[in-house]
PDB file of all heavy atoms in Angstrom:
ATOM      1  N   GLU A   1      83.272 132.908  81.010  1.00  0.00           N
ATOM      2  CA  GLU A   1      83.045 131.478  80.785  1.00  0.00           C
ATOM      3  C   GLU A   1      84.157 130.627  81.390  1.00  0.00           C
ATOM      4  O   GLU A   1      83.962 129.445  81.678  1.00  0.00           O
ATOM      5  CB  GLU A   1      82.919 131.185  79.290  1.00  0.00           C
ATOM      6  CG  GLU A   1      81.669 131.762  78.648  1.00  0.00           C
ATOM      7  CD  GLU A   1      81.514 131.305  77.210  1.00  0.00           C
ATOM      8  OE1 GLU A   1      82.429 130.589  76.722  1.00  0.00           O
ATOM      9  OE2 GLU A   1      80.495 131.650  76.596  1.00  0.00           O
ATOM     10  N   ILE A   2      85.357 131.213  81.560  1.00  0.00           N
ATOM     11  CA  ILE A   2      86.500 130.457  82.078  1.00  0.00           C
ATOM     12  C   ILE A   2      86.487 130.416  83.601  1.00  0.00           C
ATOM     13  O   ILE A   2      86.740 129.376  84.213  1.00  0.00           O
ATOM     14  CB  ILE A   2      87.820 131.050  81.547  1.00  0.00           C
ATOM     15  CG1 ILE A   2      87.896 130.826  80.037  1.00  0.00           C
ATOM     16  CG2 ILE A   2      89.023 130.441  82.262  1.00  0.00           C
ATOM     17  CD1 ILE A   2      89.099 131.421  79.377  1.00  0.00           C
ATOM     18  N   CYS A   3      86.203 131.540  84.249  1.00  0.00           N
ATOM     19  CA  CYS A   3      86.128 131.551  85.711  1.00  0.00           C
ATOM     20  C   CYS A   3      85.055 132.506  86.172  1.00  0.00           C
ATOM     21  O   CYS A   3      84.736 133.485  85.494  1.00  0.00           O
ATOM     22  CB  CYS A   3      87.478 131.887  86.346  1.00  0.00           C
ATOM     23  SG  CYS A   3      87.922 133.617  86.326  1.00  0.00           S
ATOM     24  N   GLY A   4      84.503 132.199  87.312  1.00  0.00           N
ATOM     25  CA  GLY A   4      83.507 133.066  87.925  1.00  0.00           C
ATOM     26  C   GLY A   4      84.067 133.721  89.165  1.00  0.00           C
ATOM     27  O   GLY A   4      85.081 133.289  89.727  1.00  0.00           O
ATOM     28  N   ILE A   5      83.399 134.789  89.636  1.00  0.00           N
ATOM     29  CA  ILE A   5      83.840 135.472  90.836  1.00  0.00           C
ATOM     30  C   ILE A   5      82.632 135.902  91.639  1.00  0.00           C
ATOM     31  O   ILE A   5      81.621 136.384  91.088  1.00  0.00           O
ATOM     32  CB  ILE A   5      84.738 136.691  90.498  1.00  0.00           C
ATOM     33  CG1 ILE A   5      85.310 137.294  91.783  1.00  0.00           C
ATOM     34  CG2 ILE A   5      83.983 137.729  89.681  1.00  0.00           C
ATOM     35  CD1 ILE A   5      86.440 138.265  91.537  1.00  0.00           C
ATOM     36  N   SER A   6      82.675 135.671  92.956  1.00  0.00           N
ATOM     37  CA  SER A   6      81.618 136.073  93.864  1.00  0.00           C
ATOM     38  C   SER A   6      82.250 136.575  95.151  1.00  0.00           C
ATOM     39  O   SER A   6      82.975 135.836  95.826  1.00  0.00           O
ATOM     40  CB  SER A   6      80.688 134.889  94.157  1.00  0.00           C
ATOM     41  OG  SER A   6      79.714 135.234  95.119  1.00  0.00           O
ATOM     42  N   ASN A   7      82.016 137.851  95.457  1.00  0.00           N
ATOM     43  CA  ASN A   7      82.587 138.465  96.663  1.00  0.00           C
ATOM     44  C   ASN A   7      84.106 138.318  96.729  1.00  0.00           C
ATOM     45  O   ASN A   7      84.685 138.099  97.789  1.00  0.00           O
ATOM     46  CB  ASN A   7      81.962 137.877  97.936  1.00  0.00           C
ATOM     47  CG  ASN A   7      80.490 138.195  98.061  1.00  0.00           C
ATOM     48  OD1 ASN A   7      80.050 139.298  97.721  1.00  0.00           O
ATOM     49  ND2 ASN A   7      79.712 137.235  98.559  1.00  0.00           N
ATOM     50  N   GLY A   8      84.741 138.427  95.571  1.00  0.00           N
ATOM     51  CA  GLY A   8      86.190 138.360  95.512  1.00  0.00           C
ATOM     52  C   GLY A   8      86.760 136.970  95.548  1.00  0.00           C
ATOM     53  O   GLY A   8      87.976 136.796  95.648  1.00  0.00           O
ATOM     54  N   VAL A   9      85.907 135.942  95.431  1.00  0.00           N
ATOM     55  CA  VAL A   9      86.359 134.553  95.463  1.00  0.00           C
ATOM     56  C   VAL A   9      86.216 133.965  94.066  1.00  0.00           C
ATOM     57  O   VAL A   9      85.131 133.952  93.486  1.00  0.00           O
ATOM     58  CB  VAL A   9      85.549 133.733  96.478  1.00  0.00           C
ATOM     59  CG1 VAL A   9      86.034 132.273  96.488  1.00  0.00           C
ATOM     60  CG2 VAL A   9      85.690 134.334  97.873  1.00  0.00           C
ATOM     61  N   LEU A  10      87.330 133.437  93.514  1.00  0.00           N
ATOM     62  CA  LEU A  10      87.348 132.887  92.164  1.00  0.00           C
ATOM     63  C   LEU A  10      87.034 131.391  92.168  1.00  0.00           C
ATOM     64  O   LEU A  10      87.424 130.657  93.081  1.00  0.00           O
ATOM     65  CB  LEU A  10      88.728 133.084  91.527  1.00  0.00           C
ATOM     66  CG  LEU A  10      89.185 134.515  91.242  1.00  0.00           C
ATOM     67  CD1 LEU A  10      90.609 134.495  90.705  1.00  0.00           C
ATOM     68  CD2 LEU A  10      88.259 135.183  90.248  1.00  0.00           C
ATOM     69  N   SER A  11      86.339 130.950  91.099  1.00  0.00           N
ATOM     70  CA  SER A  11      86.097 129.523  90.894  1.00  0.00           C
ATOM     71  C   SER A  11      86.290 129.207  89.416  1.00  0.00           C
ATOM     72  O   SER A  11      85.859 129.968  88.540  1.00  0.00           O
ATOM     73  CB  SER A  11      84.677 129.143  91.343  1.00  0.00           C
ATOM     74  OG  SER A  11      83.713 129.943  90.674  1.00  0.00           O
ATOM     75  N   GLY A  12      86.962 128.107  89.119  1.00  0.00           N
ATOM     76  CA  GLY A  12      87.207 127.708  87.741  1.00  0.00           C
ATOM     77  C   GLY A  12      85.984 127.074  87.128  1.00  0.00           C
ATOM     78  O   GLY A  12      85.324 126.234  87.749  1.00  0.00           O
ATOM     79  N   LEU A  13      85.675 127.454  85.849  1.00  0.00           N
ATOM     80  CA  LEU A  13      84.500 126.939  85.160  1.00  0.00           C
ATOM     81  C   LEU A  13      84.852 126.107  83.943  1.00  0.00           C
ATOM     82  O   LEU A  13      84.222 125.097  83.674  1.00  0.00           O
ATOM     83  CB  LEU A  13      83.593 128.108  84.740  1.00  0.00           C
ATOM     84  CG  LEU A  13      83.108 129.035  85.859  1.00  0.00           C
ATOM     85  CD1 LEU A  13      82.304 130.171  85.273  1.00  0.00           C
ATOM     86  CD2 LEU A  13      82.313 128.264  86.902  1.00  0.00           C
ATOM     87  N   LYS A  14      85.888 126.535  83.202  1.00  0.00           N
ATOM     88  CA  LYS A  14      86.244 125.863  81.954  1.00  0.00           C
ATOM     89  C   LYS A  14      87.736 126.049  81.710  1.00  0.00           C
ATOM     90  O   LYS A  14      88.305 127.083  82.047  1.00  0.00           O
ATOM     91  CB  LYS A  14      85.431 126.445  80.797  1.00  0.00           C
ATOM     92  CG  LYS A  14      85.629 125.718  79.481  1.00  0.00           C
ATOM     93  CD  LYS A  14      84.740 126.307  78.385  1.00  0.00           C
ATOM     94  CE  LYS A  14      85.282 127.643  77.901  1.00  0.00           C
ATOM     95  NZ  LYS A  14      84.563 128.144  76.699  1.00  0.00           N
ATOM     96  N   ASN A  15      88.371 125.070  81.095  1.00  0.00           N
ATOM     97  CA  ASN A  15      89.799 125.186  80.803  1.00  0.00           C
ATOM     98  C   ASN A  15      90.071 126.408  79.943  1.00  0.00           C
ATOM     99  O   ASN A  15      89.345 126.697  78.985  1.00  0.00           O
ATOM    100  CB  ASN A  15      90.294 123.945  80.062  1.00  0.00           C
ATOM    101  CG  ASN A  15      90.358 122.726  80.962  1.00  0.00           C
ATOM    102  OD1 ASN A  15      90.272 122.848  82.179  1.00  0.00           O
ATOM    103  ND2 ASN A  15      90.479 121.545  80.375  1.00  0.00           N
ATOM    104  N   GLY A  16      91.131 127.122  80.308  1.00  0.00           N
ATOM    105  CA  GLY A  16      91.496 128.301  79.550  1.00  0.00           C
ATOM    106  C   GLY A  16      92.222 129.319  80.399  1.00  0.00           C
ATOM    107  O   GLY A  16      92.525 129.079  81.582  1.00  0.00           O
ATOM    108  N   VAL A  17      92.521 130.467  79.803  1.00  0.00           N
ATOM    109  CA  VAL A  17      93.250 131.535  80.479  1.00  0.00           C
ATOM    110  C   VAL A  17      92.456 132.836  80.323  1.00  0.00           C
ATOM    111  O   VAL A  17      91.960 133.135  79.230  1.00  0.00           O
ATOM    112  CB  VAL A  17      94.664 131.721  79.897  1.00  0.00           C
ATOM    113  CG1 VAL A  17      95.394 132.861  80.607  1.00  0.00           C
ATOM    114  CG2 VAL A  17      95.460 130.433  80.020  1.00  0.00           C
ATOM    115  N   THR A  18      92.348 133.585  81.410  1.00  0.00           N
ATOM    116  CA  THR A  18      91.667 134.864  81.362  1.00  0.00           C
ATOM    117  C   THR A  18      92.313 135.801  82.368  1.00  0.00           C
ATOM    118  O   THR A  18      93.274 135.433  83.072  1.00  0.00           O
ATOM    119  CB  THR A  18      90.167 134.716  81.648  1.00  0.00           C
ATOM    120  OG1 THR A  18      89.524 135.986  81.427  1.00  0.00           O
ATOM    121  CG2 THR A  18      89.925 134.267  83.080  1.00  0.00           C
ATOM    122  N   THR A  19      91.795 137.019  82.462  1.00  0.00           N
ATOM    123  CA  THR A  19      92.330 138.027  83.382  1.00  0.00           C
ATOM    124  C   THR A  19      91.199 138.574  84.240  1.00  0.00           C
ATOM    125  O   THR A  19      90.095 138.815  83.747  1.00  0.00           O
ATOM    126  CB  THR A  19      92.984 139.188  82.609  1.00  0.00           C
ATOM    127  OG1 THR A  19      94.044 138.666  81.795  1.00  0.00           O
ATOM    128  CG2 THR A  19      93.547 140.227  83.564  1.00  0.00           C
ATOM    129  N   VAL A  20      91.494 138.752  85.515  1.00  0.00           N
ATOM    130  CA  VAL A  20      90.554 139.352  86.451  1.00  0.00           C
ATOM    131  C   VAL A  20      91.115 140.701  86.879  1.00  0.00           C
ATOM    132  O   VAL A  20      92.294 140.793  87.254  1.00  0.00           O
ATOM    133  CB  VAL A  20      90.321 138.446  87.672  1.00  0.00           C
ATOM    134  CG1 VAL A  20      89.408 139.128  88.678  1.00  0.00           C
ATOM    135  CG2 VAL A  20      89.752 137.115  87.250  1.00  0.00           C
ATOM    136  N   THR A  21      90.308 141.742  86.845  1.00  0.00           N
ATOM    137  CA  THR A  21      90.753 143.094  87.202  1.00  0.00           C
ATOM    138  C   THR A  21      89.869 143.648  88.309  1.00  0.00           C
ATOM    139  O   THR A  21      88.636 143.500  88.261  1.00  0.00           O
ATOM    140  CB  THR A  21      90.686 144.036  85.979  1.00  0.00           C
ATOM    141  OG1 THR A  21      91.486 143.475  84.931  1.00  0.00           O
ATOM    142  CG2 THR A  21      91.227 145.417  86.333  1.00  0.00           C
ATOM    143  N   GLY A  22      90.505 144.268  89.299  1.00  0.00           N
ATOM    144  CA  GLY A  22      89.765 144.865  90.404  1.00  0.00           C
ATOM    145  C   GLY A  22      90.126 146.314  90.598  1.00  0.00           C
ATOM    146  O   GLY A  22      91.266 146.720  90.358  1.00  0.00           O
ATOM    147  N   LYS A  23      89.147 147.106  91.039  1.00  0.00           N
ATOM    148  CA  LYS A  23      89.361 148.529  91.279  1.00  0.00           C
ATOM    149  C   LYS A  23      88.823 148.895  92.649  1.00  0.00           C
ATOM    150  O   LYS A  23      87.732 148.475  93.040  1.00  0.00           O
ATOM    151  CB  LYS A  23      88.685 149.374  90.202  1.00  0.00           C
ATOM    152  CG  LYS A  23      89.275 149.187  88.809  1.00  0.00           C
ATOM    153  CD  LYS A  23      88.604 150.104  87.786  1.00  0.00           C
ATOM    154  CE  LYS A  23      89.237 149.919  86.406  1.00  0.00           C
ATOM    155  NZ  LYS A  23      88.608 150.814  85.393  1.00  0.00           N
ATOM    156  N   LEU A  24      89.597 149.704  93.371  1.00  0.00           N
ATOM    157  CA  LEU A  24      89.211 150.187  94.693  1.00  0.00           C
ATOM    158  C   LEU A  24      89.849 151.545  94.910  1.00  0.00           C
ATOM    159  O   LEU A  24      91.077 151.650  95.015  1.00  0.00           O
ATOM    160  CB  LEU A  24      89.660 149.199  95.784  1.00  0.00           C
ATOM    161  CG  LEU A  24      89.390 149.597  97.228  1.00  0.00           C
ATOM    162  CD1 LEU A  24      87.891 149.716  97.485  1.00  0.00           C
ATOM    163  CD2 LEU A  24      90.005 148.586  98.198  1.00  0.00           C
ATOM    164  N   ASP A  25      89.037 152.600  94.953  1.00  0.00           N
ATOM    165  CA  ASP A  25      89.541 153.970  95.058  1.00  0.00           C
ATOM    166  C   ASP A  25      90.569 154.210  93.941  1.00  0.00           C
ATOM    167  O   ASP A  25      90.248 154.062  92.775  1.00  0.00           O
ATOM    168  CB  ASP A  25      90.128 154.224  96.441  1.00  0.00           C
ATOM    169  CG  ASP A  25      89.089 154.122  97.547  1.00  0.00           C
ATOM    170  OD1 ASP A  25      87.894 154.268  97.229  1.00  0.00           O
ATOM    171  OD2 ASP A  25      89.466 153.904  98.710  1.00  0.00           O
ATOM    172  N   ASP A  26      91.832 154.528  94.320  1.00  0.00           N
ATOM    173  CA  ASP A  26      92.865 154.787  93.311  1.00  0.00           C
ATOM    174  C   ASP A  26      93.624 153.530  92.896  1.00  0.00           C
ATOM    175  O   ASP A  26      94.539 153.586  92.078  1.00  0.00           O
ATOM    176  CB  ASP A  26      93.881 155.819  93.842  1.00  0.00           C
ATOM    177  CG  ASP A  26      93.242 157.166  94.112  1.00  0.00           C
ATOM    178  OD1 ASP A  26      92.252 157.485  93.429  1.00  0.00           O
ATOM    179  OD2 ASP A  26      93.728 157.877  95.008  1.00  0.00           O
ATOM    180  N   PHE A  27      93.237 152.386  93.455  1.00  0.00           N
ATOM    181  CA  PHE A  27      93.956 151.145  93.179  1.00  0.00           C
ATOM    182  C   PHE A  27      93.308 150.371  92.038  1.00  0.00           C
ATOM    183  O   PHE A  27      92.080 150.235  91.973  1.00  0.00           O
ATOM    184  CB  PHE A  27      93.978 150.268  94.436  1.00  0.00           C
ATOM    185  CG  PHE A  27      94.391 148.846  94.186  1.00  0.00           C
ATOM    186  CD1 PHE A  27      95.721 148.521  93.979  1.00  0.00           C
ATOM    187  CD2 PHE A  27      93.439 147.829  94.133  1.00  0.00           C
ATOM    188  CE1 PHE A  27      96.104 147.213  93.745  1.00  0.00           C
ATOM    189  CE2 PHE A  27      93.813 146.525  93.903  1.00  0.00           C
ATOM    190  CZ  PHE A  27      95.148 146.216  93.716  1.00  0.00           C
TER     191      PHE A  27
END
C-alpha cells in the first residue's frame, strides 16, 4: 500500500515506510 514496483521500478503510493527485498540466484 505504501509503494508499488513494476519491472524493478518503484513508485510511491502512500505516506509511510516499508522495505523492498529482491532475490537473484545467490543474491
